[in-house]
Amino acid sequence: MKKINTLRSISGRGLGLMAKTGFHCPANGFWRPEDRSMDPVFVFEGSIMPAGRGGSTVWLLEDAVVGPPTHLLPAR
């Protein structure tokens, strides 16, 4: 099993979170490859970070999705 701890601060870029292809995503949000070769993609926290166009890549968090859901699920 891969390590979940893939966080590292990056000053002046995005929201300061990064993750590498093949590691667990540290936060819900839109992630963009470091080389900006693709549009941002939404990745759920705990999911495995995808490969970029060139294969393995470093992803930078562009826009985080935090807080309670905006819409409640219907009661069963």
PDB file of N, CA and C in Angstrom:
ATOM      1  N   MET A   1       0.841  -1.176   0.000  1.00  0.00           N
ATOM      2  CA  MET A   1       0.000   0.000   0.000  1.00  0.00           C
ATOM      3  C   MET A   1       0.890   1.244   0.000  1.00  0.00           C
ATOM      4  N   LYS A   2       0.468   2.249  -0.745  1.00  0.00           N
ATOM      5  CA  LYS A   2       1.251   3.475  -0.827  1.00  0.00           C
ATOM      6  C   LYS A   2       0.980   4.375   0.364  1.00  0.00           C
ATOM      7  N   LYS A   3       1.937   5.230   0.670  1.00  0.00           N
ATOM      8  CA  LYS A   3       1.777   6.178   1.763  1.00  0.00           C
ATOM      9  C   LYS A   3       0.770   7.255   1.386  1.00  0.00           C
ATOM     10  N   ILE A   4      -0.038   7.674   2.352  1.00  0.00           N
ATOM     11  CA  ILE A   4      -1.016   8.736   2.114  1.00  0.00           C
ATOM     12  C   ILE A   4      -0.364  10.105   2.231  1.00  0.00           C
ATOM     13  N   ASN A   5       0.671  10.236   3.020  1.00  0.00           N
ATOM     14  CA  ASN A   5       1.301  11.525   3.250  1.00  0.00           C
ATOM     15  C   ASN A   5       2.080  11.984   2.023  1.00  0.00           C
ATOM     16  N   THR A   6       1.443  12.805   1.177  1.00  0.00           N
ATOM     17  CA  THR A   6       2.093  13.325  -0.023  1.00  0.00           C
ATOM     18  C   THR A   6       2.074  14.854  -0.019  1.00  0.00           C
ATOM     19  N   LEU A   7       1.847  15.451   1.125  1.00  0.00           N
ATOM     20  CA  LEU A   7       1.726  16.903   1.211  1.00  0.00           C
ATOM     21  C   LEU A   7       3.093  17.565   1.310  1.00  0.00           C
ATOM     22  N   ARG A   8       3.198  18.732   0.690  1.00  0.00           N
ATOM     23  CA  ARG A   8       4.381  19.556   0.839  1.00  0.00           C
ATOM     24  C   ARG A   8       3.985  20.984   0.503  1.00  0.00           C
ATOM     25  N   SER A   9       4.440  21.931   1.282  1.00  0.00           N
ATOM     26  CA  SER A   9       4.110  23.328   1.010  1.00  0.00           C
ATOM     27  C   SER A   9       4.932  23.843  -0.154  1.00  0.00           C
ATOM     28  N   ILE A  10       4.270  24.602  -1.019  1.00  0.00           N
ATOM     29  CA  ILE A  10       4.962  25.259  -2.119  1.00  0.00           C
ATOM     30  C   ILE A  10       4.563  26.721  -2.057  1.00  0.00           C
ATOM     31  N   SER A  11       5.501  27.606  -1.803  1.00  0.00           N
ATOM     32  CA  SER A  11       5.155  29.014  -1.645  1.00  0.00           C
ATOM     33  C   SER A  11       4.843  29.647  -2.995  1.00  0.00           C
ATOM     34  N   GLY A  12       3.763  30.412  -3.003  1.00  0.00           N
ATOM     35  CA  GLY A  12       3.400  31.191  -4.176  1.00  0.00           C
ATOM     36  C   GLY A  12       2.762  30.407  -5.310  1.00  0.00           C
ATOM     37  N   ARG A  13       2.413  29.144  -5.113  1.00  0.00           N
ATOM     38  CA  ARG A  13       1.798  28.367  -6.190  1.00  0.00           C
ATOM     39  C   ARG A  13       0.505  27.752  -5.696  1.00  0.00           C
ATOM     40  N   GLY A  14      -0.579  27.990  -6.391  1.00  0.00           N
ATOM     41  CA  GLY A  14      -1.865  27.388  -6.043  1.00  0.00           C
ATOM     42  C   GLY A  14      -2.193  27.561  -4.572  1.00  0.00           C
ATOM     43  N   LEU A  15      -2.638  26.494  -3.937  1.00  0.00           N
ATOM     44  CA  LEU A  15      -2.994  26.531  -2.524  1.00  0.00           C
ATOM     45  C   LEU A  15      -1.908  25.905  -1.659  1.00  0.00           C
ATOM     46  N   GLY A  16      -0.766  25.587  -2.258  1.00  0.00           N
ATOM     47  CA  GLY A  16       0.360  25.079  -1.491  1.00  0.00           C
ATOM     48  C   GLY A  16       0.368  23.579  -1.281  1.00  0.00           C
ATOM     49  N   LEU A  17      -0.497  22.821  -1.948  1.00  0.00           N
ATOM     50  CA  LEU A  17      -0.484  21.370  -1.820  1.00  0.00           C
ATOM     51  C   LEU A  17      -0.051  20.756  -3.132  1.00  0.00           C
ATOM     52  N   MET A  18       0.681  19.643  -3.016  1.00  0.00           N
ATOM     53  CA  MET A  18       1.069  18.910  -4.209  1.00  0.00           C
ATOM     54  C   MET A  18       0.932  17.423  -3.947  1.00  0.00           C
ATOM     55  N   ALA A  19       0.794  16.652  -4.996  1.00  0.00           N
ATOM     56  CA  ALA A  19       0.734  15.197  -4.898  1.00  0.00           C
ATOM     57  C   ALA A  19       1.305  14.630  -6.190  1.00  0.00           C
ATOM     58  N   LYS A  20       1.858  13.437  -6.106  1.00  0.00           N
ATOM     59  CA  LYS A  20       2.464  12.802  -7.270  1.00  0.00           C
ATOM     60  C   LYS A  20       1.564  11.695  -7.802  1.00  0.00           C
ATOM     61  N   THR A  21       1.670  11.438  -9.096  1.00  0.00           N
ATOM     62  CA  THR A  21       0.950  10.343  -9.728  1.00  0.00           C
ATOM     63  C   THR A  21       1.209   9.050  -8.959  1.00  0.00           C
ATOM     64  N   GLY A  22       0.137   8.305  -8.692  1.00  0.00           N
ATOM     65  CA  GLY A  22       0.258   7.025  -8.019  1.00  0.00           C
ATOM     66  C   GLY A  22       0.124   7.089  -6.513  1.00  0.00           C
ATOM     67  N   PHE A  23       0.101   8.295  -5.934  1.00  0.00           N
ATOM     68  CA  PHE A  23      -0.061   8.461  -4.491  1.00  0.00           C
ATOM     69  C   PHE A  23      -1.491   8.896  -4.192  1.00  0.00           C
ATOM     70  N   HIS A  24      -1.892   8.774  -2.941  1.00  0.00           N
ATOM     71  CA  HIS A  24      -3.248   9.177  -2.541  1.00  0.00           C
ATOM     72  C   HIS A  24      -3.394  10.689  -2.569  1.00  0.00           C
ATOM     73  N   CYS A  25      -4.559  11.151  -3.016  1.00  0.00           N
ATOM     74  CA  CYS A  25      -4.870  12.576  -3.069  1.00  0.00           C
ATOM     75  C   CYS A  25      -5.083  13.096  -1.642  1.00  0.00           C
ATOM     76  N   PRO A  26      -4.393  14.170  -1.257  1.00  0.00           N
ATOM     77  CA  PRO A  26      -4.517  14.685   0.100  1.00  0.00           C
ATOM     78  C   PRO A  26      -5.756  15.537   0.364  1.00  0.00           C
ATOM     79  N   ALA A  27      -6.452  16.018  -0.685  1.00  0.00           N
ATOM     80  CA  ALA A  27      -7.605  16.894  -0.481  1.00  0.00           C
ATOM     81  C   ALA A  27      -8.500  16.900  -1.716  1.00  0.00           C
ATOM     82  N   ASN A  28      -9.831  16.988  -1.501  1.00  0.00           N
ATOM     83  CA  ASN A  28     -10.770  17.161  -2.612  1.00  0.00           C
ATOM     84  C   ASN A  28     -10.425  18.454  -3.326  1.00  0.00           C
ATOM     85  N   GLY A  29     -10.510  18.436  -4.632  1.00  0.00           N
ATOM     86  CA  GLY A  29     -10.325  19.682  -5.344  1.00  0.00           C
ATOM     87  C   GLY A  29      -9.913  19.476  -6.784  1.00  0.00           C
ATOM     88  N   PHE A  30      -9.680  20.601  -7.440  1.00  0.00           N
ATOM     89  CA  PHE A  30      -9.224  20.596  -8.829  1.00  0.00           C
ATOM     90  C   PHE A  30      -7.706  20.681  -8.829  1.00  0.00           C
ATOM     91  N   TRP A  31      -7.092  19.729  -9.487  1.00  0.00           N
ATOM     92  CA  TRP A  31      -5.635  19.597  -9.535  1.00  0.00           C
ATOM     93  C   TRP A  31      -5.152  19.802 -10.962  1.00  0.00           C
ATOM     94  N   ARG A  32      -4.017  20.495 -11.111  1.00  0.00           N
ATOM     95  CA  ARG A  32      -3.431  20.747 -12.429  1.00  0.00           C
ATOM     96  C   ARG A  32      -1.992  20.219 -12.420  1.00  0.00           C
ATOM     97  N   PRO A  33      -1.554  19.597 -13.537  1.00  0.00           N
ATOM     98  CA  PRO A  33      -0.162  19.149 -13.596  1.00  0.00           C
ATOM     99  C   PRO A  33       0.795  20.336 -13.461  1.00  0.00           C
ATOM    100  N   GLU A  34       1.925  20.088 -12.851  1.00  0.00           N
ATOM    101  CA  GLU A  34       2.914  21.140 -12.628  1.00  0.00           C
ATOM    102  C   GLU A  34       3.350  21.799 -13.940  1.00  0.00           C
ATOM    103  N   ASP A  35       3.417  21.020 -15.017  1.00  0.00           N
ATOM    104  CA  ASP A  35       3.839  21.584 -16.310  1.00  0.00           C
ATOM    105  C   ASP A  35       2.701  22.258 -17.068  1.00  0.00           C
ATOM    106  N   ARG A  36       1.496  22.273 -16.469  1.00  0.00           N
ATOM    107  CA  ARG A  36       0.306  22.911 -17.029  1.00  0.00           C
ATOM    108  C   ARG A  36      -0.065  22.360 -18.408  1.00  0.00           C
ATOM    109  N   SER A  37       0.225  21.088 -18.648  1.00  0.00           N
ATOM    110  CA  SER A  37      -0.044  20.470 -19.939  1.00  0.00           C
ATOM    111  C   SER A  37      -1.506  20.054 -20.116  1.00  0.00           C
ATOM    112  N   MET A  38      -2.298  20.114 -19.039  1.00  0.00           N
ATOM    113  CA  MET A  38      -3.710  19.718 -19.085  1.00  0.00           C
ATOM    114  C   MET A  38      -4.545  20.710 -18.299  1.00  0.00           C
ATOM    115  N   ASP A  39      -5.851  20.698 -18.569  1.00  0.00           N
ATOM    116  CA  ASP A  39      -6.780  21.463 -17.750  1.00  0.00           C
ATOM    117  C   ASP A  39      -6.878  20.794 -16.382  1.00  0.00           C
ATOM    118  N   PRO A  40      -7.305  21.546 -15.356  1.00  0.00           N
ATOM    119  CA  PRO A  40      -7.461  20.938 -14.032  1.00  0.00           C
ATOM    120  C   PRO A  40      -8.475  19.796 -14.057  1.00  0.00           C
ATOM    121  N   VAL A  41      -8.243  18.786 -13.216  1.00  0.00           N
ATOM    122  CA  VAL A  41      -9.169  17.669 -13.065  1.00  0.00           C
ATOM    123  C   VAL A  41      -9.569  17.570 -11.604  1.00  0.00           C
ATOM    124  N   PHE A  42     -10.824  17.158 -11.352  1.00  0.00           N
ATOM    125  CA  PHE A  42     -11.280  17.004  -9.976  1.00  0.00           C
ATOM    126  C   PHE A  42     -10.856  15.632  -9.473  1.00  0.00           C
ATOM    127  N   VAL A  43     -10.232  15.601  -8.278  1.00  0.00           N
ATOM    128  CA  VAL A  43      -9.817  14.346  -7.661  1.00  0.00           C
ATOM    129  C   VAL A  43     -10.333  14.351  -6.227  1.00  0.00           C
ATOM    130  N   PHE A  44     -10.952  13.231  -5.814  1.00  0.00           N
ATOM    131  CA  PHE A  44     -11.458  13.100  -4.453  1.00  0.00           C
ATOM    132  C   PHE A  44     -10.331  12.726  -3.500  1.00  0.00           C
ATOM    133  N   GLU A  45     -10.387  13.256  -2.285  1.00  0.00           N
ATOM    134  CA  GLU A  45      -9.421  12.921  -1.251  1.00  0.00           C
ATOM    135  C   GLU A  45      -9.370  11.405  -1.059  1.00  0.00           C
ATOM    136  N   GLY A  46      -8.158  10.866  -1.012  1.00  0.00           N
ATOM    137  CA  GLY A  46      -7.966   9.432  -0.826  1.00  0.00           C
ATOM    138  C   GLY A  46      -7.867   8.653  -2.122  1.00  0.00           C
ATOM    139  N   SER A  47      -8.292   9.260  -3.238  1.00  0.00           N
ATOM    140  CA  SER A  47      -8.169   8.597  -4.533  1.00  0.00           C
ATOM    141  C   SER A  47      -6.702   8.597  -4.963  1.00  0.00           C
ATOM    142  N   ILE A  48      -6.375   7.707  -5.887  1.00  0.00           N
ATOM    143  CA  ILE A  48      -5.013   7.673  -6.423  1.00  0.00           C
ATOM    144  C   ILE A  48      -4.880   8.774  -7.471  1.00  0.00           C
ATOM    145  N   MET A  49      -3.817   9.560  -7.370  1.00  0.00           N
ATOM    146  CA  MET A  49      -3.598  10.642  -8.330  1.00  0.00           C
ATOM    147  C   MET A  49      -3.308  10.054  -9.709  1.00  0.00           C
ATOM    148  N   PRO A  50      -3.951  10.616 -10.759  1.00  0.00           N
ATOM    149  CA  PRO A  50      -3.807  10.071 -12.108  1.00  0.00           C
ATOM    150  C   PRO A  50      -2.480  10.458 -12.757  1.00  0.00           C
ATOM    151  N   ALA A  51      -2.222   9.836 -13.891  1.00  0.00           N
ATOM    152  CA  ALA A  51      -1.060  10.206 -14.700  1.00  0.00           C
ATOM    153  C   ALA A  51      -1.411  11.417 -15.543  1.00  0.00           C
ATOM    154  N   GLY A  52      -0.427  12.187 -15.891  1.00  0.00           N
ATOM    155  CA  GLY A  52      -0.627  13.318 -16.788  1.00  0.00           C
ATOM    156  C   GLY A  52      -0.424  12.874 -18.228  1.00  0.00           C
ATOM    157  N   ARG A  53      -0.349  13.815 -19.132  1.00  0.00           N
ATOM    158  CA  ARG A  53      -0.156  13.465 -20.549  1.00  0.00           C
ATOM    159  C   ARG A  53       1.185  12.779 -20.776  1.00  0.00           C
ATOM    160  N   GLY A  54       2.189  13.174 -20.023  1.00  0.00           N
ATOM    161  CA  GLY A  54       3.516  12.586 -20.194  1.00  0.00           C
ATOM    162  C   GLY A  54       3.784  11.434 -19.238  1.00  0.00           C
ATOM    163  N   GLY A  55       2.735  10.883 -18.624  1.00  0.00           N
ATOM    164  CA  GLY A  55       2.914   9.789 -17.659  1.00  0.00           C
ATOM    165  C   GLY A  55       2.927  10.324 -16.245  1.00  0.00           C
ATOM    166  N   SER A  56       3.893   9.904 -15.452  1.00  0.00           N
ATOM    167  CA  SER A  56       3.987  10.331 -14.056  1.00  0.00           C
ATOM    168  C   SER A  56       4.212  11.838 -13.978  1.00  0.00           C
ATOM    169  N   THR A  57       3.494  12.492 -13.076  1.00  0.00           N
ATOM    170  CA  THR A  57       3.608  13.946 -12.954  1.00  0.00           C
ATOM    171  C   THR A  57       3.389  14.383 -11.518  1.00  0.00           C
ATOM    172  N   VAL A  58       3.713  15.627 -11.253  1.00  0.00           N
ATOM    173  CA  VAL A  58       3.432  16.266  -9.967  1.00  0.00           C
ATOM    174  C   VAL A  58       2.200  17.134 -10.181  1.00  0.00           C
ATOM    175  N   TRP A  59       1.216  16.991  -9.282  1.00  0.00           N
ATOM    176  CA  TRP A  59      -0.031  17.736  -9.371  1.00  0.00           C
ATOM    177  C   TRP A  59      -0.056  18.833  -8.320  1.00  0.00           C
ATOM    178  N   LEU A  60      -0.548  20.012  -8.685  1.00  0.00           N
ATOM    179  CA  LEU A  60      -0.693  21.144  -7.768  1.00  0.00           C
ATOM    180  C   LEU A  60      -2.175  21.442  -7.575  1.00  0.00           C
ATOM    181  N   LEU A  61      -2.568  21.659  -6.336  1.00  0.00           N
ATOM    182  CA  LEU A  61      -3.971  21.960  -6.038  1.00  0.00           C
ATOM    183  C   LEU A  61      -4.303  23.366  -6.496  1.00  0.00           C
ATOM    184  N   GLU A  62      -5.302  23.470  -7.374  1.00  0.00           N
ATOM    185  CA  GLU A  62      -5.731  24.766  -7.909  1.00  0.00           C
ATOM    186  C   GLU A  62      -6.895  25.344  -7.114  1.00  0.00           C
ATOM    187  N   ASP A  63      -7.873  24.493  -6.777  1.00  0.00           N
ATOM    188  CA  ASP A  63      -9.074  24.967  -6.108  1.00  0.00           C
ATOM    189  C   ASP A  63      -9.582  23.859  -5.198  1.00  0.00           C
ATOM    190  N   ALA A  64      -9.605  24.111  -3.901  1.00  0.00           N
ATOM    191  CA  ALA A  64     -10.035  23.106  -2.930  1.00  0.00           C
ATOM    192  C   ALA A  64     -11.540  23.150  -2.739  1.00  0.00           C
ATOM    193  N   VAL A  65     -12.109  22.007  -2.409  1.00  0.00           N
ATOM    194  CA  VAL A  65     -13.526  21.901  -2.104  1.00  0.00           C
ATOM    195  C   VAL A  65     -13.606  21.418  -0.665  1.00  0.00           C
ATOM    196  N   VAL A  66     -13.959  22.330   0.240  1.00  0.00           N
ATOM    197  CA  VAL A  66     -13.984  22.005   1.663  1.00  0.00           C
ATOM    198  C   VAL A  66     -15.327  22.382   2.271  1.00  0.00           C
ATOM    199  N   GLY A  67     -15.560  21.860   3.452  1.00  0.00           N
ATOM    200  CA  GLY A  67     -16.778  22.218   4.168  1.00  0.00           C
ATOM    201  C   GLY A  67     -17.886  21.217   3.948  1.00  0.00           C
ATOM    202  N   PRO A  68     -19.042  21.474   4.566  1.00  0.00           N
ATOM    203  CA  PRO A  68     -20.169  20.554   4.438  1.00  0.00           C
ATOM    204  C   PRO A  68     -20.739  20.593   3.024  1.00  0.00           C
ATOM    205  N   PRO A  69     -21.453  19.540   2.627  1.00  0.00           N
ATOM    206  CA  PRO A  69     -22.058  19.519   1.287  1.00  0.00           C
ATOM    207  C   PRO A  69     -23.034  20.673   1.132  1.00  0.00           C
ATOM    208  N   THR A  70     -23.137  21.172  -0.077  1.00  0.00           N
ATOM    209  CA  THR A  70     -24.066  22.274  -0.346  1.00  0.00           C
ATOM    210  C   THR A  70     -25.488  21.776  -0.479  1.00  0.00           C
ATOM    211  N   HIS A  71     -25.678  20.491  -0.802  1.00  0.00           N
ATOM    212  CA  HIS A  71     -27.000  19.902  -0.942  1.00  0.00           C
ATOM    213  C   HIS A  71     -27.064  18.665  -0.063  1.00  0.00           C
ATOM    214  N   LEU A  72     -28.087  18.580   0.748  1.00  0.00           N
ATOM    215  CA  LEU A  72     -28.257  17.414   1.600  1.00  0.00           C
ATOM    216  C   LEU A  72     -28.812  16.246   0.783  1.00  0.00           C
ATOM    217  N   LEU A  73     -28.393  15.037   1.140  1.00  0.00           N
ATOM    218  CA  LEU A  73     -28.919  13.854   0.491  1.00  0.00           C
ATOM    219  C   LEU A  73     -30.345  13.613   0.973  1.00  0.00           C
ATOM    220  N   PRO A  74     -31.209  13.093   0.106  1.00  0.00           N
ATOM    221  CA  PRO A  74     -32.587  12.827   0.530  1.00  0.00           C
ATOM    222  C   PRO A  74     -32.616  11.713   1.579  1.00  0.00           C
ATOM    223  N   ALA A  75     -33.587  11.789   2.472  1.00  0.00           N
ATOM    224  CA  ALA A  75     -33.750  10.771   3.516  1.00  0.00           C
ATOM    225  C   ALA A  75     -34.253   9.485   2.877  1.00  0.00           C
ATOM    226  N   ARG A  76     -33.844   8.383   3.465  1.00  0.00           N
ATOM    227  CA  ARG A  76     -34.279   7.080   2.918  1.00  0.00           C
ATOM    228  C   ARG A  76     -35.468   6.569   3.645  1.00  0.00           C
TER     229      ARG A  76
END
